[in-house]
């Protein structure tokens, strides 16, 4: 079944769009076009952003939703589709009421000759970039303490997590020196840290001590980056703190920090591979391919993109509360025979509770992992557990393993979360069809 045929099937369209849990999983605009770039499907987020309901959007030429400059940009990029190429670019959407909405567009060709486009609304980011070049939305929602300093190292921004960790309210610490939370015995170490930042412009995951308002010493992982304006003039520092006190108390069960703020643009080749795999997973979900085929595709994709040494995909049996292995790469027959594990008190449960990928170093020494001896026999050092869920509905887990502890630290959290969401959506669609 082609993507065009599948997407226009009324029953599949109802399953894919009208399910509340699936619709909530799609936080970005999704547009699907046929070979001639006419619209055959848009998701609810696209409808809300463009102000065109689904019935009015279907059949419209892709550029009908954009301003004149955007039309030219899109036409240029559509030429790439004829050569089977993906691309990413910015363009301005023109809503039904005439509002201009800046978008980051990621487009990829389908096997049937059409196009899939994922549109990220840049409206808030554009406004904030003119003032501080920082995304307040990301900062406020971050579970890490995020602090912005001016060039004199005085605090200009103090988020909610910073208040929780250090005890100072925003109004009582703004424009105060960052030295307020640096213990006296750490001053010499902090000077060396500043020198390192001045030399390399960035320091990641440096473990040290800081002190709270009450004087309590707190073990933190700190990252510091120099911030420049549009003219590349130094204007201050971006500092993030992660409280690792509890991890220190539980020894080796330390979850490494994934960077919260990443460059919006990475190497085009890697982005292209990411988009290709996401598009292939989407196509597999709406095609006649079996659930087993989709599950094997997911495992192959995550191993190739993450360069993991092994991967295990498990689906959740809600009735019996266990996770059943449905696909794998890189594990021996002894591990494969352990096809069912309990969900309660597992790493998969921990990842689901925080609703994001969970990284664990020294996994072979962890009491939480249900297959610790098997992990040790395979010489795996690091694990990332990606929860698969839609809204509050848990579907399963995707675990990837590495023998090199440093390999996974280069993986973007945003992509792993997006990959997990796309896999969750694809598996849910397949399960609806069974």
Protein backbone atom coordinates (compact mmCIF):
# COMPACT_ATOMS: atom_id res chain seq x y z
CA UNK A 1 0.00 0.00 0.00
CA UNK A 2 1.44 3.41 -0.92
CA UNK A 3 1.56 6.29 1.57
CA UNK A 4 -0.96 8.21 -0.57
CA UNK A 5 -3.41 5.32 -0.58
CA UNK A 6 -2.93 4.60 3.11
CA UNK A 7 -3.31 8.17 4.25
CA UNK A 8 -6.54 8.65 2.32
CA UNK A 9 -8.09 5.51 3.72
CA UNK A 10 -10.87 6.88 5.94
CA UNK A 11 -10.56 4.29 8.71
CA UNK A 12 -6.77 4.78 8.97
CA UNK A 13 -7.20 8.56 8.90
CA UNK A 14 -9.63 8.33 11.82
CA UNK A 15 -7.24 6.08 13.75
CA UNK A 16 -4.25 8.37 13.07
CA UNK A 17 -5.89 11.75 13.68
CA UNK A 18 -8.99 11.51 15.83
CA UNK A 19 -7.44 9.50 18.69
CA UNK A 20 -6.82 12.04 21.41
CA UNK A 21 -3.69 10.35 22.73
CA UNK A 22 -2.10 10.18 19.27
CA UNK A 23 -3.02 13.80 18.47
CA UNK A 24 -1.41 14.94 21.72
CA UNK A 25 1.79 13.14 20.79
CA UNK A 26 2.17 15.28 17.67
CA UNK A 27 3.39 18.58 19.10
CA UNK A 28 4.59 19.90 15.74
CA UNK A 29 2.74 20.61 12.51
CA UNK A 30 2.64 17.58 10.20
CA UNK A 31 1.91 18.00 6.48
CA UNK A 32 1.74 15.21 3.88
CA UNK A 33 1.60 15.83 0.12
CA UNK A 34 1.22 13.73 -3.01
CA UNK A 35 3.58 13.55 -6.00
CA UNK A 36 2.38 16.94 -7.24
CA UNK A 37 2.76 18.51 -3.79
CA UNK A 38 -0.96 18.79 -3.17
CA UNK A 39 -2.08 18.36 0.44
CA UNK A 40 -3.52 14.95 1.38
CA UNK A 41 -3.25 15.23 5.16
CA UNK A 42 -2.48 17.73 7.95
CA UNK A 43 -2.54 17.05 11.70
CA UNK A 44 -4.50 19.05 14.35
CA UNK A 45 -1.47 21.19 15.22
CA UNK A 46 -1.20 22.24 11.57
CA UNK A 47 -4.94 23.05 11.51
CA UNK A 48 -4.62 25.24 14.60
CA UNK A 49 -1.50 27.03 13.37
CA UNK A 50 -2.66 27.67 9.80
CA UNK A 51 -6.34 28.19 10.76
CA UNK A 52 -7.28 25.87 7.88
CA UNK A 53 -9.44 22.91 8.97
CA UNK A 54 -8.55 19.54 7.48
CA UNK A 55 -11.35 19.64 4.90
CA UNK A 56 -10.16 23.01 3.57
CA UNK A 57 -6.48 22.05 3.64
CA UNK A 58 -6.84 18.84 1.60
CA UNK A 59 -6.19 19.43 -2.09
CA UNK A 60 -4.40 22.74 -1.63
CA UNK A 61 -1.03 23.17 -3.26
CA UNK A 62 1.75 23.20 -0.66
CA UNK A 63 2.75 26.84 -1.22
CA UNK A 64 -0.83 28.08 -0.66
CA UNK A 65 -0.06 28.23 3.05
CA UNK A 66 2.98 30.55 2.71
CA UNK A 67 3.91 34.13 1.84
CA UNK A 68 5.55 35.06 -1.47
CA UNK A 69 9.11 34.60 -0.25
CA UNK A 70 8.18 31.27 1.37
CA UNK A 71 6.64 30.06 -1.89
CA UNK A 72 9.96 30.56 -3.71
CA UNK A 73 11.95 28.82 -0.97
CA UNK A 74 9.61 25.83 -0.92
CA UNK A 75 9.66 25.45 -4.71
CA UNK A 76 13.46 25.40 -4.65
CA UNK A 77 13.51 22.69 -1.99
CA UNK A 78 10.89 20.60 -3.80
CA UNK A 79 13.41 20.16 -6.60
CA UNK A 80 15.48 18.17 -4.10
CA UNK A 81 12.57 15.77 -3.52
CA UNK A 82 12.69 14.65 -7.15
CA UNK A 83 16.23 13.44 -6.43
CA UNK A 84 15.15 11.69 -3.24
CA UNK A 85 16.78 14.28 -0.97
CA UNK A 86 15.62 15.63 2.41
CA UNK A 87 16.23 19.20 3.53
CA UNK A 88 15.65 21.68 6.33
CA UNK A 89 14.97 25.38 5.94
CA UNK A 90 13.01 28.35 7.28
CA UNK A 91 9.91 29.88 5.70
CA UNK A 92 6.95 32.03 6.77
CA UNK A 93 3.44 30.58 6.88
CA UNK A 94 0.51 32.88 6.07
CA UNK A 95 -2.50 31.80 8.12
CA UNK A 96 -6.08 31.99 6.93
CA UNK A 97 -6.56 35.26 8.85
CA UNK A 98 -3.31 36.71 7.47
CA UNK A 99 -1.00 36.10 10.42
CA UNK A 100 2.65 35.46 9.57
CA UNK A 101 4.18 32.49 11.37
CA UNK A 102 7.93 31.75 11.07
CA UNK A 103 8.61 28.02 10.71
CA UNK A 104 11.55 25.64 10.69
CA UNK A 105 10.60 23.08 8.03
CA UNK A 106 12.05 19.57 7.79
CA UNK A 107 10.97 17.89 4.55
CA UNK A 108 11.58 14.37 3.32
CA UNK A 109 10.48 12.40 0.24
CA UNK A 110 8.30 9.32 0.59
CA UNK A 111 8.80 6.06 -1.28
CA UNK A 112 5.58 6.76 -3.19
CA UNK A 113 6.98 10.04 -4.55
CA UNK A 114 5.18 12.37 -2.15
CA UNK A 115 6.55 14.54 0.66
CA UNK A 116 6.32 14.55 4.45
CA UNK A 117 6.93 17.87 6.20
CA UNK A 118 7.35 18.59 9.90
CA UNK A 119 6.96 22.29 10.76
CA UNK A 120 8.30 23.75 14.00
CA UNK A 121 6.73 27.08 15.02
CA UNK A 122 9.56 29.58 15.60
CA UNK A 123 7.36 32.53 16.61
CA UNK A 124 8.36 32.58 20.29
CA UNK A 125 11.98 31.75 19.58
CA UNK A 126 12.25 34.59 17.03
CA UNK A 127 10.89 37.14 19.51
CA UNK A 128 13.17 35.98 22.28
CA UNK A 129 16.20 35.90 19.99
CA UNK A 130 15.82 39.67 19.44
CA UNK A 131 16.08 40.26 23.20
CA UNK A 132 18.33 37.64 24.75
CA UNK A 133 19.02 34.95 22.13
CA UNK A 134 17.71 32.44 24.62
CA UNK A 135 14.58 30.35 24.61
CA UNK A 136 12.63 31.20 27.74
CA UNK A 137 10.24 28.36 27.06
CA UNK A 138 13.04 25.78 27.23
CA UNK A 139 14.58 27.44 30.28
CA UNK A 140 11.36 27.54 32.28
CA UNK A 141 10.49 23.92 31.50
CA UNK A 142 13.97 22.58 32.18
CA UNK A 143 14.47 20.22 35.11
CA UNK A 144 17.98 21.64 35.42
CA UNK A 145 18.90 24.91 37.07
CA UNK A 146 19.64 27.46 34.35
CA UNK A 147 21.39 30.72 35.21
CA UNK A 148 22.37 33.58 32.89
CA UNK A 149 25.21 35.88 33.93
CA UNK A 150 26.32 39.16 32.42
CA UNK A 151 29.98 39.71 31.57
CA UNK A 152 30.61 40.82 35.18
CA UNK A 153 29.24 37.46 36.40
CA UNK A 154 26.14 38.97 37.96
CA UNK A 155 22.93 36.94 37.76
CA UNK A 156 20.46 38.12 35.09
CA UNK A 157 18.20 35.05 34.89
CA UNK A 158 17.34 32.46 37.55
CA UNK A 159 14.86 29.73 36.65
CA UNK A 160 12.48 27.70 38.83
CA UNK A 161 14.84 24.73 39.14
CA UNK A 162 17.63 27.05 40.35
CA UNK A 163 15.28 28.26 43.09
CA UNK A 164 14.48 24.66 44.10
CA UNK A 165 18.12 23.59 44.25
CA UNK A 166 19.68 26.62 45.93
CA UNK A 167 16.74 28.09 47.87
CA UNK A 168 17.02 31.67 46.59
CA UNK A 169 13.96 33.28 45.01
CA UNK A 170 14.49 35.11 41.74
CA UNK A 171 13.79 38.58 43.17
CA UNK A 172 16.36 38.20 45.94
CA UNK A 173 19.25 36.99 43.79
CA UNK A 174 18.96 38.91 40.50
CA UNK A 175 21.95 41.23 39.91
CA UNK A 176 23.87 39.50 42.70
CA UNK A 177 27.26 37.86 42.09
CA UNK A 178 27.30 34.15 41.29
CA UNK A 179 29.90 33.87 44.07
CA UNK A 180 26.93 33.80 46.45
CA UNK A 181 26.49 30.06 45.78
CA UNK A 182 30.20 29.16 45.55
CA UNK A 183 31.66 27.74 48.81
CA UNK A 184 34.84 29.39 50.03
CA UNK A 185 36.80 26.15 49.75
CA UNK A 186 35.84 25.91 46.06
CA UNK A 187 36.98 29.41 45.04
CA UNK A 188 40.39 28.28 43.71
CA UNK A 189 38.79 25.45 41.73
CA UNK A 190 36.22 27.89 40.37
CA UNK A 191 38.96 30.25 39.16
CA UNK A 192 40.46 27.40 37.14
CA UNK A 193 37.00 26.63 35.79
CA UNK A 194 36.62 30.25 34.62
CA UNK A 195 40.05 30.13 32.95
CA UNK A 196 39.03 26.96 31.12
CA UNK A 197 35.81 28.60 29.90
CA UNK A 198 37.73 31.66 28.70
CA UNK A 199 40.09 29.36 26.79
CA UNK A 200 37.63 26.88 25.27
CA UNK A 201 34.38 28.91 25.45
CA UNK A 202 32.52 25.97 26.99
CA UNK A 203 32.79 23.43 29.82
CA UNK A 204 30.44 20.47 30.08
CA UNK A 205 29.42 18.31 33.05
CA UNK A 206 32.05 19.49 35.53
CA UNK A 207 31.36 17.96 38.95
CA UNK A 208 31.86 20.31 41.89
CA UNK A 209 30.21 21.68 45.05
CA UNK A 210 27.86 24.64 45.44
CA UNK A 211 26.01 25.90 48.51
CA UNK A 212 22.35 26.68 49.11
CA UNK A 213 20.81 29.65 50.91
CA UNK A 214 20.96 27.65 54.17
CA UNK A 215 24.67 26.91 53.69
CA UNK A 216 24.12 23.27 52.73
CA UNK A 217 26.77 21.89 50.36
CA UNK A 218 25.26 20.47 47.17
CA UNK A 219 27.01 18.18 44.69
CA UNK A 220 26.28 19.51 41.20
CA UNK A 221 27.28 18.90 37.61
CA UNK A 222 27.87 22.32 36.06
CA UNK A 223 28.16 23.33 32.41
CA UNK A 224 29.26 26.82 31.37
CA UNK A 225 29.23 28.44 27.95
CA UNK A 226 30.20 31.93 26.82
CA UNK A 227 27.34 33.79 25.09
CA UNK A 228 27.84 36.25 22.22
CA UNK A 229 25.45 38.54 20.37
CA UNK A 230 24.78 38.77 16.63
CA UNK A 231 28.09 40.61 16.13
CA UNK A 232 29.99 37.89 18.02
CA UNK A 233 30.58 40.26 20.93
CA UNK A 234 30.88 38.59 24.35
CA UNK A 235 27.86 39.47 26.53
CA UNK A 236 27.84 36.90 29.33
CA UNK A 237 27.60 33.27 30.37
CA UNK A 238 24.99 30.53 30.23
CA UNK A 239 25.34 28.20 33.23
CA UNK A 240 23.39 25.00 33.94
CA UNK A 241 23.44 23.05 37.18
CA UNK A 242 22.24 19.51 37.76
CA UNK A 243 21.82 18.35 41.34
CA UNK A 244 23.68 15.02 41.56
CA UNK A 245 23.49 14.70 45.35
CA UNK A 246 21.12 11.73 45.25
CA UNK A 247 23.23 10.02 42.57
CA UNK A 248 26.31 10.49 44.73
CA UNK A 249 24.51 8.91 47.67
CA UNK A 250 23.52 5.93 45.53
CA UNK A 251 27.07 5.63 44.15
CA UNK A 252 27.29 4.61 40.51
CA UNK A 253 23.63 5.18 39.59
CA UNK A 254 24.41 8.48 37.95
CA UNK A 255 22.41 9.80 35.07
CA UNK A 256 24.49 11.95 32.81
CA UNK A 257 23.09 15.23 31.74
CA UNK A 258 21.85 15.57 28.17
CA UNK A 259 22.34 19.06 26.89
CA UNK A 260 19.13 21.06 27.03
CA UNK A 261 20.06 23.73 24.60
CA UNK A 262 21.51 22.50 21.32
CA UNK A 263 22.31 24.25 18.07
CA UNK A 264 19.20 24.21 15.90
CA UNK A 265 21.29 23.08 12.98
CA UNK A 266 23.58 20.04 13.00
CA UNK A 267 25.48 18.44 10.18
CA UNK A 268 23.14 18.14 7.24
CA UNK A 269 24.16 14.56 6.52
CA UNK A 270 23.19 13.33 9.99
CA UNK A 271 19.95 15.34 9.94
CA UNK A 272 19.12 13.80 6.59
CA UNK A 273 19.59 10.30 8.00
CA UNK A 274 17.41 11.17 10.99
CA UNK A 275 14.63 12.51 8.78
CA UNK A 276 14.89 9.54 6.43
CA UNK A 277 14.48 7.04 9.25
CA UNK A 278 11.61 8.98 10.84
CA UNK A 279 9.89 9.13 7.46
CA UNK A 280 10.51 5.41 6.87
CA UNK A 281 9.03 4.56 10.29
CA UNK A 282 5.98 6.71 9.50
CA UNK A 283 5.53 5.01 6.13
CA UNK A 284 5.87 1.57 7.70
CA UNK A 285 3.19 2.45 10.26
CA UNK A 286 0.57 3.33 7.64
CA UNK A 287 1.55 0.65 5.12
CA UNK A 288 0.68 -3.05 4.92
CA UNK A 289 3.97 -3.92 6.61
CA UNK A 290 3.62 -6.17 9.66
CA UNK A 291 4.13 -5.07 13.25
CA UNK A 292 7.25 -7.30 13.39
CA UNK A 293 8.67 -5.49 10.35
CA UNK A 294 8.07 -2.11 11.99
CA UNK A 295 9.70 -3.25 15.24
CA UNK A 296 12.79 -4.53 13.40
CA UNK A 297 13.00 -1.22 11.49
CA UNK A 298 12.93 0.73 14.77
CA UNK A 299 15.76 -1.38 16.23
CA UNK A 300 17.90 -1.05 13.09
CA UNK A 301 17.33 2.71 12.89
CA UNK A 302 18.29 3.49 16.49
CA UNK A 303 21.45 1.35 16.30
CA UNK A 304 22.61 3.04 13.09
CA UNK A 305 21.82 6.56 14.35
CA UNK A 306 23.27 6.13 17.86
CA UNK A 307 26.12 3.73 16.92
CA UNK A 308 25.01 1.54 19.82
CA UNK A 309 26.50 -1.92 20.30
CA UNK A 310 23.11 -3.46 21.07
CA UNK A 311 19.43 -2.58 21.32
CA UNK A 312 16.34 -4.24 22.81
CA UNK A 313 12.71 -3.28 22.12
CA UNK A 314 10.06 -4.44 24.59
CA UNK A 315 6.28 -3.88 24.56
CA UNK A 316 4.25 -3.57 27.75
CA UNK A 317 1.64 -6.17 28.74
CA UNK A 318 -0.67 -4.09 30.92
CA UNK A 319 -2.68 -7.07 32.19
CA UNK A 320 0.33 -8.98 33.53
CA UNK A 321 2.58 -5.93 34.10
CA UNK A 322 5.57 -7.29 32.25
CA UNK A 323 7.70 -6.12 29.32
CA UNK A 324 8.03 -8.59 26.45
CA UNK A 325 11.01 -8.56 24.07
CA UNK A 326 9.80 -8.12 20.47
CA UNK A 327 13.01 -7.17 18.65
CA UNK A 328 16.74 -7.00 19.37
CA UNK A 329 20.25 -6.54 17.95
CA UNK A 330 23.63 -7.40 19.48
CA UNK A 331 22.62 -9.77 22.31
CA UNK A 332 23.27 -13.50 22.65
CA UNK A 333 20.77 -16.38 22.85
CA UNK A 334 20.93 -16.48 26.65
CA UNK A 335 19.72 -12.87 26.81
CA UNK A 336 17.15 -13.51 24.10
CA UNK A 337 15.68 -16.32 26.18
CA UNK A 338 14.88 -13.81 28.90
CA UNK A 339 12.09 -12.41 26.79
CA UNK A 340 9.91 -11.19 29.68
CA UNK A 341 10.84 -8.90 32.57
CA UNK A 342 8.77 -7.22 35.27
CA UNK A 343 7.91 -3.57 34.70
CA UNK A 344 7.73 -2.57 38.38
CA UNK A 345 11.01 -1.30 39.88
CA UNK A 346 12.73 -1.45 36.50
CA UNK A 347 14.83 1.07 34.60
CA UNK A 348 11.99 1.25 32.06
CA UNK A 349 9.63 2.37 34.84
CA UNK A 350 12.12 5.05 35.95
CA UNK A 351 12.36 6.39 32.38
CA UNK A 352 8.57 6.43 32.00
CA UNK A 353 8.13 8.33 35.27
CA UNK A 354 10.38 11.19 34.09
CA UNK A 355 8.92 11.02 30.53
CA UNK A 356 12.31 11.31 28.84
CA UNK A 357 15.32 9.16 27.90
CA UNK A 358 17.30 7.96 30.91
CA UNK A 359 21.08 7.46 30.73
CA UNK A 360 22.88 5.13 33.16
CA UNK A 361 26.64 4.66 33.44
CA UNK A 362 28.24 1.58 35.03
CA UNK A 363 25.07 -0.32 34.23
CA UNK A 364 26.77 -3.66 34.86
CA UNK A 365 27.02 -2.72 38.56
CA UNK A 366 23.41 -1.56 38.89
CA UNK A 367 20.94 -3.52 41.03
CA UNK A 368 18.05 -1.96 39.10
CA UNK A 369 18.81 -3.61 35.76
CA UNK A 370 16.91 -6.89 35.49
CA UNK A 371 19.70 -8.55 33.46
CA UNK A 372 22.82 -7.30 35.22
CA UNK A 373 24.84 -10.50 34.72
CA UNK A 374 23.97 -10.54 31.02
CA UNK A 375 25.01 -6.91 30.70
CA UNK A 376 28.30 -7.75 32.41
CA UNK A 377 28.95 -10.73 30.13
CA UNK A 378 28.44 -8.50 27.08
CA UNK A 379 30.82 -5.86 28.57
CA UNK A 380 28.21 -3.12 28.23
CA UNK A 381 29.04 0.00 30.27
CA UNK A 382 26.31 2.48 29.40
CA UNK A 383 22.56 2.26 28.82
CA UNK A 384 19.95 4.69 27.50
CA UNK A 385 16.34 3.71 28.15
CA UNK A 386 13.85 5.49 25.87
CA UNK A 387 10.24 5.31 27.16
CA UNK A 388 7.53 4.66 24.56
CA UNK A 389 4.23 6.28 25.47
CA UNK A 390 1.34 8.42 24.22
CA UNK A 391 0.11 10.94 26.76
CA UNK A 392 -0.22 8.82 29.94
CA UNK A 393 -0.52 5.49 28.11
CA UNK A 394 2.66 3.39 28.43
CA UNK A 395 3.55 1.25 25.40
CA UNK A 396 7.01 -0.12 26.16
CA UNK A 397 10.72 0.67 26.18
CA UNK A 398 13.62 0.94 23.75
CA UNK A 399 17.00 0.28 25.40
CA UNK A 400 20.34 0.87 23.69
CA UNK A 401 23.71 -0.27 25.07
CA UNK A 402 27.33 0.77 24.55
CA UNK A 403 30.68 -0.66 25.59
CA UNK A 404 32.18 2.85 25.44
CA UNK A 405 30.91 5.09 28.31
CA UNK A 406 31.58 8.27 26.32
CA UNK A 407 29.77 7.35 23.11
CA UNK A 408 26.22 8.27 24.14
CA UNK A 409 27.15 11.68 25.56
CA UNK A 410 27.17 13.09 22.03
CA UNK A 411 23.57 12.07 21.32
CA UNK A 412 21.00 14.89 21.32
CA UNK A 413 18.22 14.55 23.89
CA UNK A 414 15.77 16.32 21.59
CA UNK A 415 16.28 13.75 18.83
CA UNK A 416 15.95 10.76 21.19
CA UNK A 417 12.69 12.20 22.52
CA UNK A 418 11.41 12.84 18.99
CA UNK A 419 12.47 9.36 17.90
CA UNK A 420 10.67 7.84 20.88
CA UNK A 421 7.51 9.83 20.12
CA UNK A 422 7.56 8.81 16.47
CA UNK A 423 8.08 5.13 17.37
CA UNK A 424 5.28 5.34 19.93
CA UNK A 425 2.96 6.83 17.34
CA UNK A 426 3.90 4.23 14.72
CA UNK A 427 3.45 1.28 17.09
CA UNK A 428 0.12 2.67 18.29
CA UNK A 429 -1.15 2.94 14.69
CA UNK A 430 -0.12 -0.66 14.00
CA UNK A 431 -1.79 -1.91 17.18
CA UNK A 432 -5.00 -0.06 16.18
CA UNK A 433 -4.97 -1.93 12.87
CA UNK A 434 -4.55 -5.38 14.43
